[in-house]
Amino acid sequence: MSQTNYLSMSERELRQYWLSHKEDKLALEAYLERRSQRPQGTTTFHPDDADFEERLNSLVQRQLQIKQ
């Protein structure tokens, strides 16, 4: 089995890798560990995501409500 360098992958790349290699339990562990280190309440999404505009608008609305 080849050694995959999970540390060199971005969180998004690691997620994509795991989705394509679900038998790779170490990839899942690495992904979950990376996610657990993210500050609570952090939202991540990419402009190429299908629901990007909807998620961005929702995030902006939440931030506006917090500031009021």
C-alpha atoms as a PDB file:
ATOM      1  CA  MET A   1       0.000   0.000   0.000  1.00  0.00           C
ATOM      2  CA  SER A   2       1.404   3.416  -0.925  1.00  0.00           C
ATOM      3  CA  GLN A   3       1.921   6.139   1.629  1.00  0.00           C
ATOM      4  CA  THR A   4      -0.388   9.101   1.051  1.00  0.00           C
ATOM      5  CA  ASN A   5       0.712  12.425   2.514  1.00  0.00           C
ATOM      6  CA  TYR A   6      -2.484  13.764   4.082  1.00  0.00           C
ATOM      7  CA  LEU A   7      -0.615  16.695   5.645  1.00  0.00           C
ATOM      8  CA  SER A   8       0.234  18.110   2.232  1.00  0.00           C
ATOM      9  CA  MET A   9      -3.460  18.207   1.242  1.00  0.00           C
ATOM     10  CA  SER A  10      -5.792  21.096   1.955  1.00  0.00           C
ATOM     11  CA  GLU A  11      -8.900  20.232   3.948  1.00  0.00           C
ATOM     12  CA  ARG A  12     -10.936  20.329   0.743  1.00  0.00           C
ATOM     13  CA  GLU A  13      -8.461  18.057  -1.087  1.00  0.00           C
ATOM     14  CA  LEU A  14      -8.402  15.635   1.829  1.00  0.00           C
ATOM     15  CA  ARG A  15     -12.205  15.496   1.866  1.00  0.00           C
ATOM     16  CA  GLN A  16     -12.301  14.851  -1.882  1.00  0.00           C
ATOM     17  CA  TYR A  17      -9.604  12.196  -1.536  1.00  0.00           C
ATOM     18  CA  TRP A  18     -11.525  10.406   1.200  1.00  0.00           C
ATOM     19  CA  LEU A  19     -14.799  10.562  -0.772  1.00  0.00           C
ATOM     20  CA  SER A  20     -12.984   8.843  -3.644  1.00  0.00           C
ATOM     21  CA  HIS A  21     -11.177   6.332  -1.380  1.00  0.00           C
ATOM     22  CA  LYS A  22     -13.690   5.448   1.328  1.00  0.00           C
ATOM     23  CA  GLU A  23     -11.809   2.247   2.106  1.00  0.00           C
ATOM     24  CA  ASP A  24      -8.879   4.401   3.320  1.00  0.00           C
ATOM     25  CA  LYS A  25      -9.619   4.625   7.047  1.00  0.00           C
ATOM     26  CA  LEU A  26      -6.467   6.676   7.681  1.00  0.00           C
ATOM     27  CA  ALA A  27      -7.741   9.336   5.279  1.00  0.00           C
ATOM     28  CA  LEU A  28     -11.006   9.518   7.199  1.00  0.00           C
ATOM     29  CA  GLU A  29      -9.144   9.795  10.500  1.00  0.00           C
ATOM     30  CA  ALA A  30      -6.912  12.546   9.095  1.00  0.00           C
ATOM     31  CA  TYR A  31      -9.930  14.440   7.760  1.00  0.00           C
ATOM     32  CA  LEU A  32     -11.871  14.185  11.025  1.00  0.00           C
ATOM     33  CA  GLU A  33      -8.809  15.250  13.000  1.00  0.00           C
ATOM     34  CA  ARG A  34      -8.352  18.263  10.750  1.00  0.00           C
ATOM     35  CA  ARG A  35     -12.027  19.187  11.129  1.00  0.00           C
ATOM     36  CA  SER A  36     -11.878  18.870  14.912  1.00  0.00           C
ATOM     37  CA  GLN A  37      -9.050  21.430  15.002  1.00  0.00           C
ATOM     38  CA  ARG A  38     -11.155  24.011  13.197  1.00  0.00           C
ATOM     39  CA  PRO A  39     -12.614  26.688  15.523  1.00  0.00           C
ATOM     40  CA  GLN A  40     -16.268  26.131  16.399  1.00  0.00           C
ATOM     41  CA  GLY A  41     -18.678  27.987  14.172  1.00  0.00           C
ATOM     42  CA  THR A  42     -16.263  28.190  11.258  1.00  0.00           C
ATOM     43  CA  THR A  43     -18.018  27.899   7.931  1.00  0.00           C
ATOM     44  CA  THR A  44     -16.082  26.874   4.872  1.00  0.00           C
ATOM     45  CA  PHE A  45     -17.260  26.766   1.288  1.00  0.00           C
ATOM     46  CA  HIS A  46     -15.807  27.395  -2.131  1.00  0.00           C
ATOM     47  CA  PRO A  47     -17.020  29.645  -4.963  1.00  0.00           C
ATOM     48  CA  ASP A  48     -17.334  26.562  -7.173  1.00  0.00           C
ATOM     49  CA  ASP A  49     -19.841  24.941  -4.803  1.00  0.00           C
ATOM     50  CA  ALA A  50     -23.305  24.634  -6.347  1.00  0.00           C
ATOM     51  CA  ASP A  51     -24.949  26.451  -3.426  1.00  0.00           C
ATOM     52  CA  PHE A  52     -22.211  29.077  -2.974  1.00  0.00           C
ATOM     53  CA  GLU A  53     -24.423  32.160  -3.349  1.00  0.00           C
ATOM     54  CA  GLU A  54     -27.109  30.761  -1.067  1.00  0.00           C
ATOM     55  CA  ARG A  55     -24.596  29.865   1.643  1.00  0.00           C
ATOM     56  CA  LEU A  56     -22.804  33.199   1.323  1.00  0.00           C
ATOM     57  CA  ASN A  57     -26.074  35.141   1.613  1.00  0.00           C
ATOM     58  CA  SER A  58     -27.057  33.089   4.643  1.00  0.00           C
ATOM     59  CA  LEU A  59     -23.694  33.746   6.290  1.00  0.00           C
ATOM     60  CA  VAL A  60     -23.931  37.485   5.614  1.00  0.00           C
ATOM     61  CA  GLN A  61     -27.462  37.608   7.050  1.00  0.00           C
ATOM     62  CA  ARG A  62     -26.334  35.794  10.228  1.00  0.00           C
ATOM     63  CA  GLN A  63     -23.420  38.200  10.655  1.00  0.00           C
ATOM     64  CA  LEU A  64     -25.720  41.204  10.193  1.00  0.00           C
ATOM     65  CA  GLN A  65     -28.095  39.836  12.827  1.00  0.00           C
ATOM     66  CA  ILE A  66     -25.237  39.326  15.284  1.00  0.00           C
ATOM     67  CA  LYS A  67     -24.092  42.943  14.856  1.00  0.00           C
ATOM     68  CA  GLN A  68     -27.568  44.398  15.496  1.00  0.00           C
END
